[in-house]
Amino acid sequence: MKSKNASGMSAAGLNLQNMIRASLNNEGNIFGNLNKIKSRGKDSIIGRTVRIRRPQDFEIGRNSIVDDFTYISTQLKVGDFTHIGSGAHIIGGADAKVTIGNFVNIAPGCNIAAGANDYSGGELVSPALPPGYGGKAIIKPVKIADHCLIGFGVSILPGVELPEGVAIGAHSLVKPGKYKPWNVYAGVIAKEIKARNGKLIKSMAERIIRDVKEVKL
């Protein structure tokens, strides 16, 4: 016979009730308490299955969205009106940082790494190793400026800095280098393809700012 508490509810039922209550307190996120986030802008949305390993180092601006199944293990600052698609991996560990500007759109399945390892060395590589046994990490900040577009399945390596308005085609590999503002890049390794109409895009963004009350970028 299953045990029940004073209210007549079984232990399993009580556990389920507690899980539901905890989920509601975390705004539906199943992995942690979103109240521990360093900074969260008005009307921002964080998916129920977003995994934020370091909430104390996570900042998100107004009207920005992080979709479900995104994994974040590094310091991350997200601007306003920015979207991170489902299944993104933003990694690098406690000492690394990724900065993403305003009006940025990152398609599903992207990988952004601010930390990595040199695979050419004669060292073990794995976060599962005891301290002192792993190879030296490559830690370099990643910066994605305002109005950038990152296509489906793009991989961005440590040290990449994308200036305003850069667009990256699907499944491209982006390594550190010089990138021109308001240009399209694609390929492995990503190469310049053509220019974007930055003036028109920025005018549309300014219209949104005017229409949305009390939004400051």
Protein backbone atom coordinates (compact mmCIF):
# COMPACT_ATOMS: atom_id res chain seq x y z
CA MET A 1 0.00 0.00 0.00
CA LYS A 2 1.36 3.44 -0.98
CA SER A 3 1.99 5.86 1.89
CA LYS A 4 0.06 9.12 1.98
CA ASN A 5 0.55 12.38 3.81
CA ALA A 6 -2.00 14.15 6.00
CA SER A 7 -3.78 15.56 2.94
CA GLY A 8 -4.22 12.08 1.47
CA MET A 9 -1.71 12.64 -1.32
CA SER A 10 0.79 9.89 -2.11
CA ALA A 11 4.53 10.54 -1.92
CA ALA A 12 4.77 10.34 -5.72
CA GLY A 13 1.93 12.84 -6.08
CA LEU A 14 3.58 15.18 -3.59
CA ASN A 15 6.88 14.98 -5.46
CA LEU A 16 5.11 15.79 -8.72
CA GLN A 17 3.38 18.75 -7.10
CA ASN A 18 6.71 20.05 -5.79
CA MET A 19 8.29 19.69 -9.24
CA ILE A 20 5.45 21.65 -10.83
CA ARG A 21 5.72 24.36 -8.18
CA ALA A 22 9.49 24.62 -8.65
CA SER A 23 9.05 24.82 -12.42
CA LEU A 24 6.56 27.66 -12.06
CA ASN A 25 8.89 29.51 -9.69
CA ASN A 26 11.62 29.21 -12.34
CA GLU A 27 9.24 30.55 -15.00
CA GLY A 28 9.01 27.07 -16.47
CA ASN A 29 12.75 26.47 -16.91
CA ILE A 30 13.51 22.87 -15.94
CA PHE A 31 17.24 23.36 -15.30
CA GLY A 32 17.49 26.21 -12.85
CA ASN A 33 16.24 29.35 -11.23
CA LEU A 34 16.10 32.19 -13.75
CA ASN A 35 16.01 34.65 -10.87
CA LYS A 36 19.76 34.02 -10.47
CA ILE A 37 20.51 35.60 -13.86
CA LYS A 38 22.83 38.61 -13.59
CA SER A 39 20.65 40.91 -15.68
CA ARG A 40 17.40 40.43 -17.59
CA GLY A 41 15.72 43.04 -19.78
CA LYS A 42 12.02 43.71 -20.10
CA ASP A 43 9.98 41.31 -22.28
CA SER A 44 12.90 38.94 -22.81
CA ILE A 45 12.08 35.25 -23.30
CA ILE A 46 14.20 32.28 -22.19
CA GLY A 47 13.00 28.84 -23.29
CA ARG A 48 11.97 26.19 -20.79
CA THR A 49 14.82 23.86 -21.79
CA VAL A 50 17.62 26.43 -22.07
CA ARG A 51 20.60 25.26 -19.99
CA ILE A 52 22.54 28.15 -18.44
CA ARG A 53 25.50 26.74 -16.52
CA ARG A 54 26.60 30.12 -15.16
CA PRO A 55 23.46 32.24 -14.57
CA GLN A 56 25.48 34.74 -12.53
CA ASP A 57 27.43 35.56 -15.73
CA PHE A 58 24.43 35.72 -18.09
CA GLU A 59 22.92 39.03 -19.24
CA ILE A 60 20.06 39.46 -21.71
CA GLY A 61 18.58 42.71 -22.98
CA ARG A 62 15.04 43.85 -23.72
CA ASN A 63 12.81 41.97 -26.15
CA SER A 64 15.45 39.31 -26.77
CA ILE A 65 14.79 35.57 -27.09
CA VAL A 66 16.83 32.45 -26.32
CA ASP A 67 15.06 29.41 -27.77
CA ASP A 68 14.75 25.94 -26.27
CA PHE A 69 17.59 23.40 -26.14
CA THR A 70 20.28 26.09 -26.16
CA TYR A 71 23.32 25.29 -24.00
CA ILE A 72 25.39 28.10 -22.44
CA SER A 73 28.53 27.34 -20.42
CA THR A 74 30.40 30.64 -20.56
CA GLN A 75 29.95 34.31 -19.74
CA LEU A 76 27.34 35.68 -22.13
CA LYS A 77 25.97 39.17 -22.72
CA VAL A 78 23.06 39.52 -25.17
CA GLY A 79 21.77 42.89 -26.38
CA ASP A 80 18.25 44.08 -27.22
CA PHE A 81 15.92 42.64 -29.89
CA THR A 82 18.28 39.71 -30.42
CA HIS A 83 17.29 36.10 -31.11
CA ILE A 84 19.29 32.93 -30.42
CA GLY A 85 17.74 29.97 -32.20
CA SER A 86 17.12 26.53 -30.74
CA GLY A 87 19.94 24.10 -30.22
CA ALA A 88 22.71 26.68 -30.07
CA HIS A 89 25.88 25.87 -28.13
CA ILE A 90 27.68 28.86 -26.60
CA ILE A 91 30.69 27.49 -24.76
CA GLY A 92 34.09 28.32 -23.34
CA GLY A 93 33.95 27.89 -19.58
CA ALA A 94 34.11 30.31 -16.67
CA ASP A 95 37.00 32.42 -17.99
CA ALA A 96 35.66 32.97 -21.51
CA LYS A 97 33.12 35.52 -22.71
CA VAL A 98 30.75 35.95 -25.65
CA THR A 99 29.17 39.33 -26.38
CA ILE A 100 26.23 39.60 -28.79
CA GLY A 101 24.84 42.99 -29.82
CA ASN A 102 21.40 44.40 -30.67
CA PHE A 103 19.15 43.19 -33.51
CA VAL A 104 21.24 40.05 -34.01
CA ASN A 105 19.63 36.88 -35.32
CA ILE A 106 21.34 33.52 -34.73
CA ALA A 107 19.71 30.62 -36.55
CA PRO A 108 19.17 27.18 -34.94
CA GLY A 109 22.06 24.80 -34.42
CA CYS A 110 24.90 27.32 -34.24
CA ASN A 111 28.11 26.77 -32.27
CA ILE A 112 29.93 29.71 -30.70
CA ALA A 113 33.13 28.85 -28.82
CA ALA A 114 35.13 31.35 -26.78
CA GLY A 115 37.28 28.52 -25.46
CA ALA A 116 38.85 25.49 -27.15
CA ASN A 117 41.87 23.18 -27.11
CA ASP A 118 44.87 22.71 -29.41
CA TYR A 119 44.32 19.22 -30.79
CA SER A 120 47.80 19.07 -32.34
CA GLY A 121 49.55 18.76 -28.98
CA GLY A 122 50.37 15.57 -27.09
CA GLU A 123 47.89 16.25 -24.30
CA LEU A 124 44.64 14.80 -23.09
CA VAL A 125 41.57 16.87 -23.95
CA SER A 126 38.34 16.57 -21.99
CA PRO A 127 36.42 18.51 -19.31
CA ALA A 128 35.99 15.19 -17.53
CA LEU A 129 39.70 14.98 -16.63
CA PRO A 130 40.89 15.76 -13.09
CA PRO A 131 42.44 19.23 -12.60
CA GLY A 132 45.98 19.47 -13.96
CA TYR A 133 45.69 16.64 -16.46
CA GLY A 134 44.10 18.44 -19.39
CA GLY A 135 45.86 20.37 -22.13
CA LYS A 136 46.16 24.13 -22.20
CA ALA A 137 42.93 25.86 -23.19
CA ILE A 138 42.68 28.55 -25.87
CA ILE A 139 40.53 31.30 -24.34
CA LYS A 140 39.66 34.29 -26.54
CA PRO A 141 36.50 36.44 -26.39
CA VAL A 142 33.95 36.33 -29.20
CA LYS A 143 32.19 39.56 -30.18
CA ILE A 144 29.20 39.78 -32.51
CA ALA A 145 28.18 43.38 -33.21
CA ASP A 146 24.73 44.86 -33.89
CA HIS A 147 22.64 43.68 -36.86
CA CYS A 148 24.68 40.54 -37.54
CA LEU A 149 22.97 37.47 -39.01
CA ILE A 150 24.33 33.99 -38.30
CA GLY A 151 22.96 31.24 -40.55
CA PHE A 152 21.90 27.70 -39.65
CA GLY A 153 24.64 25.47 -38.25
CA VAL A 154 27.43 28.06 -38.31
CA SER A 155 30.51 27.46 -36.13
CA ILE A 156 32.38 30.45 -34.70
CA LEU A 157 35.85 29.91 -33.21
CA PRO A 158 37.57 31.67 -30.28
CA GLY A 159 38.76 35.20 -30.99
CA VAL A 160 36.26 36.02 -33.75
CA GLU A 161 35.04 39.63 -33.87
CA LEU A 162 32.23 40.34 -36.34
CA PRO A 163 31.60 44.03 -37.02
CA GLU A 164 28.20 45.64 -37.54
CA GLY A 165 25.91 44.07 -40.10
CA VAL A 166 27.94 40.99 -41.03
CA ALA A 167 25.90 38.02 -42.29
CA ILE A 168 27.27 34.46 -42.22
CA GLY A 169 25.84 31.79 -44.54
CA ALA A 170 24.59 28.42 -43.29
CA HIS A 171 27.12 25.79 -42.16
CA SER A 172 30.05 28.19 -42.47
CA LEU A 173 33.17 28.00 -40.32
CA VAL A 174 34.23 31.40 -38.99
CA LYS A 175 37.80 31.82 -37.73
CA PRO A 176 39.53 34.96 -36.44
CA GLY A 177 40.29 37.46 -39.18
CA LYS A 178 39.32 40.79 -40.71
CA TYR A 179 35.64 41.12 -41.61
CA LYS A 180 34.05 44.13 -43.31
CA PRO A 181 30.88 45.69 -41.87
CA TRP A 182 27.67 45.02 -43.78
CA ASN A 183 29.01 42.16 -45.87
CA VAL A 184 27.92 38.56 -46.42
CA TYR A 185 30.40 35.74 -45.78
CA ALA A 186 29.99 32.01 -46.37
CA GLY A 187 31.97 28.80 -46.70
CA VAL A 188 34.58 26.72 -44.92
CA ILE A 189 36.54 28.90 -44.22
CA ALA A 190 33.98 31.77 -44.53
CA LYS A 191 34.81 34.16 -47.39
CA GLU A 192 33.30 37.47 -48.51
CA ILE A 193 30.34 37.07 -50.89
CA LYS A 194 28.56 40.44 -51.28
CA ALA A 195 27.46 43.61 -49.47
CA ARG A 196 24.25 44.22 -47.45
CA ASN A 197 22.06 47.34 -47.40
CA GLY A 198 23.05 48.60 -43.97
CA LYS A 199 21.37 51.99 -44.34
CA LEU A 200 17.94 50.47 -44.98
CA ILE A 201 18.32 47.86 -42.22
CA LYS A 202 19.35 50.45 -39.63
CA SER A 203 16.42 52.70 -40.58
CA MET A 204 14.03 49.81 -39.91
CA ALA A 205 15.68 49.22 -36.51
CA GLU A 206 15.30 52.91 -35.66
CA ARG A 207 11.61 52.68 -36.53
CA ILE A 208 11.20 49.77 -34.10
CA ILE A 209 12.94 51.74 -31.36
CA ARG A 210 10.54 54.64 -31.88
CA ASP A 211 7.50 52.35 -31.88
CA VAL A 212 8.44 50.41 -28.77
CA LYS A 213 8.11 52.70 -25.78
CA GLU A 214 10.92 53.22 -23.26
CA VAL A 215 13.46 51.08 -25.10
CA LYS A 216 17.01 52.39 -24.89
CA LEU A 217 19.84 50.80 -26.83
